[in-house]
Protein backbone atom coordinates (compact mmCIF):
# COMPACT_ATOMS: atom_id res chain seq x y z
CA MET A 1 -20.50 -35.46 -64.75
CA GLU A 2 -18.43 -35.08 -61.62
CA GLU A 3 -14.78 -34.61 -62.27
CA LYS A 4 -12.44 -36.42 -59.92
CA LEU A 5 -9.33 -34.60 -58.96
CA SER A 6 -6.32 -36.78 -58.64
CA GLN A 7 -4.98 -36.83 -55.13
CA SER A 8 -1.30 -36.76 -54.60
CA TYR A 9 0.41 -37.81 -51.42
CA ILE A 10 3.81 -36.89 -50.21
CA ASN A 11 5.63 -38.79 -47.54
CA PHE A 12 7.53 -36.92 -44.82
CA ILE A 13 10.74 -38.63 -45.89
CA ASP A 14 10.26 -37.37 -49.45
CA LEU A 15 10.47 -33.70 -48.43
CA PRO A 16 13.51 -31.79 -49.69
CA VAL A 17 16.55 -31.91 -47.42
CA GLU A 18 16.30 -28.16 -46.77
CA ILE A 19 12.74 -28.55 -45.43
CA LEU A 20 13.78 -31.47 -43.22
CA TYR A 21 16.63 -29.35 -41.79
CA ILE A 22 14.18 -26.54 -40.99
CA ILE A 23 11.79 -28.96 -39.28
CA PHE A 24 14.51 -30.77 -37.34
CA ASN A 25 16.10 -27.49 -36.20
CA LYS A 26 12.81 -26.56 -34.52
CA LEU A 27 12.93 -29.75 -32.45
CA ASP A 28 15.22 -31.00 -29.72
CA ASN A 29 18.09 -32.92 -31.34
CA VAL A 30 17.99 -35.73 -28.77
CA ASP A 31 14.28 -36.26 -29.47
CA VAL A 32 14.88 -36.23 -33.23
CA LEU A 33 17.78 -38.67 -33.00
CA TYR A 34 15.88 -41.02 -30.72
CA SER A 35 12.74 -40.96 -32.87
CA LEU A 36 14.18 -41.08 -36.37
CA PHE A 37 17.76 -42.36 -36.36
CA GLY A 38 18.11 -45.99 -37.32
CA ILE A 39 14.62 -46.53 -38.72
CA LYS A 40 16.07 -48.21 -41.80
CA ASN A 41 16.14 -45.07 -43.93
CA LYS A 42 19.62 -44.21 -45.21
CA ARG A 43 18.63 -40.71 -46.28
CA LEU A 44 17.32 -39.79 -42.83
CA ASP A 45 20.30 -41.39 -41.11
CA PHE A 46 22.65 -39.40 -43.34
CA ILE A 47 20.84 -36.13 -42.53
CA LEU A 48 20.74 -36.88 -38.79
CA GLN A 49 24.47 -37.62 -38.68
CA ASP A 50 25.16 -34.03 -39.72
CA HIS A 51 27.08 -32.11 -37.05
CA ILE A 52 24.11 -29.75 -36.68
CA PHE A 53 22.15 -32.51 -34.95
CA SER A 54 24.94 -34.46 -33.32
CA ASN A 55 27.55 -31.89 -32.24
CA THR A 56 26.03 -31.36 -28.77
CA LEU A 57 24.00 -34.00 -26.95
CA ASN A 58 22.19 -33.23 -23.72
CA LEU A 59 21.45 -36.62 -22.18
CA THR A 60 20.35 -35.34 -18.77
CA LYS A 61 16.65 -35.47 -19.54
CA ILE A 62 16.74 -39.09 -20.73
CA VAL A 63 18.95 -40.62 -18.04
CA ASN A 64 15.91 -41.66 -16.00
CA ASN A 65 14.34 -43.50 -18.94
CA ALA A 66 16.42 -46.66 -19.21
CA SER A 67 15.21 -47.74 -22.66
CA ILE A 68 15.89 -44.35 -24.28
CA PHE A 69 19.23 -43.93 -22.50
CA ASP A 70 20.29 -47.46 -23.49
CA ARG A 71 19.36 -46.79 -27.14
CA PHE A 72 21.60 -43.72 -27.10
CA ARG A 73 24.43 -45.44 -25.26
CA ASN A 74 24.41 -48.66 -27.26
CA PHE A 75 23.27 -47.61 -30.73
CA ILE A 76 22.98 -43.89 -31.50
CA ILE A 77 26.20 -42.53 -29.91
CA PRO A 78 28.39 -45.27 -31.44
CA GLU A 79 26.97 -44.42 -34.88
CA ILE A 80 27.45 -40.64 -34.59
CA ARG A 81 30.46 -40.60 -32.25
CA SER A 82 32.76 -38.83 -34.67
CA ASN A 83 30.47 -35.78 -34.62
CA VAL A 84 29.75 -35.54 -30.89
CA LYS A 85 31.99 -32.80 -29.51
CA CYS A 86 30.00 -31.68 -26.46
CA LEU A 87 28.26 -34.09 -24.14
CA ILE A 88 26.00 -33.00 -21.29
CA VAL A 89 25.49 -35.80 -18.78
CA ASP A 90 24.19 -36.36 -15.31
CA SER A 91 26.84 -37.44 -12.84
CA SER A 92 25.02 -40.74 -12.37
CA SER A 93 25.55 -41.68 -16.03
CA ILE A 94 29.14 -40.56 -16.36
CA GLU A 95 30.78 -44.00 -16.49
CA GLN A 96 28.19 -45.52 -18.84
CA ILE A 97 29.03 -43.58 -22.00
CA HIS A 98 32.01 -43.95 -24.33
CA TYR A 99 33.50 -40.55 -25.24
CA PRO A 100 35.73 -41.03 -28.30
CA ASN A 101 35.76 -37.49 -29.77
CA VAL A 102 34.22 -35.38 -27.04
CA ASN A 103 36.31 -32.37 -26.09
CA HIS A 104 33.70 -30.44 -24.10
CA LEU A 105 32.05 -32.18 -21.16
CA LYS A 106 29.29 -30.82 -18.93
CA PHE A 107 28.34 -32.64 -15.75
CA MET A 108 24.94 -31.69 -14.42
CA ASN A 109 23.72 -32.44 -10.89
CA PHE A 110 27.30 -32.79 -9.80
CA GLN A 111 27.54 -33.76 -6.14
CA ARG A 112 31.07 -33.25 -4.92
CA ASP A 113 31.14 -36.02 -2.33
CA ASN A 114 29.65 -38.67 -4.63
CA SER A 115 31.30 -37.66 -7.90
CA LEU A 116 34.97 -37.16 -7.08
CA GLN A 117 35.69 -40.85 -7.79
CA HIS A 118 35.06 -40.15 -11.49
CA PHE A 119 38.03 -37.78 -11.65
CA GLN A 120 40.74 -40.19 -10.58
CA ASP A 121 43.36 -40.98 -13.22
CA GLU A 122 42.45 -44.69 -13.25
CA SER A 123 38.79 -44.09 -14.13
CA PRO A 124 37.61 -43.82 -17.77
CA VAL A 125 36.47 -40.25 -17.15
CA GLY A 126 39.77 -39.39 -15.47
CA TYR A 127 41.59 -40.66 -18.54
CA ILE A 128 39.59 -38.55 -21.00
CA LEU A 129 39.82 -35.51 -18.75
CA LYS A 130 43.59 -35.83 -18.78
CA ASN A 131 44.01 -36.62 -22.49
CA GLN A 132 41.08 -35.28 -24.43
CA ILE A 133 38.79 -32.76 -22.73
CA THR A 134 39.57 -29.11 -23.40
CA LYS A 135 36.56 -27.67 -21.60
CA LEU A 136 34.83 -29.01 -18.49
CA GLU A 137 31.74 -27.58 -16.81
CA LEU A 138 30.29 -28.75 -13.51
CA THR A 139 26.91 -27.73 -12.17
CA ASN A 140 26.83 -28.43 -8.46
CA ILE A 141 23.56 -29.25 -6.73
CA ASP A 142 25.16 -29.28 -3.29
CA ARG A 143 25.08 -25.49 -3.17
CA GLU A 144 22.13 -23.95 -4.98
CA SER A 145 23.24 -24.47 -8.55
CA THR A 146 26.90 -23.46 -8.47
CA LYS A 147 28.56 -23.64 -11.87
CA THR A 148 32.29 -24.17 -12.38
CA SER A 149 34.14 -24.13 -15.71
CA TRP A 150 37.63 -25.09 -16.75
CA GLU A 151 39.33 -24.71 -20.15
CA ARG A 152 42.73 -25.71 -21.47
């Protein structure tokens, strides 16, 4: 008589938190947040809101994909905003993101002639630069990748 072995299945979401942290740390945090945050699983959302995954967000690679960028801008960033301390953005997306707790801002593809308007006191970015940002980095594409930093 053939003996049937019972098969057991484990769901990804059922893995121990420590294993999920190891897996997520091997992946890009923006990809993990976009793929898994807000899929109606409180446990995953709680894990993904940890500062490890949401402290620094590099949005430069998603700025050209409107649906992904809009999901971050309208849903993900508002949910994790208290943890986001460093934001890396393309100069074209600077005015589209709300920066409530960011204190370190990196502007990539900064073009001096086109981007200076963002630094006026009346602009939203000018306001946070004056009142909130303690470290600012600019990467200039006008002159073969010049990088400028400023800290308070």
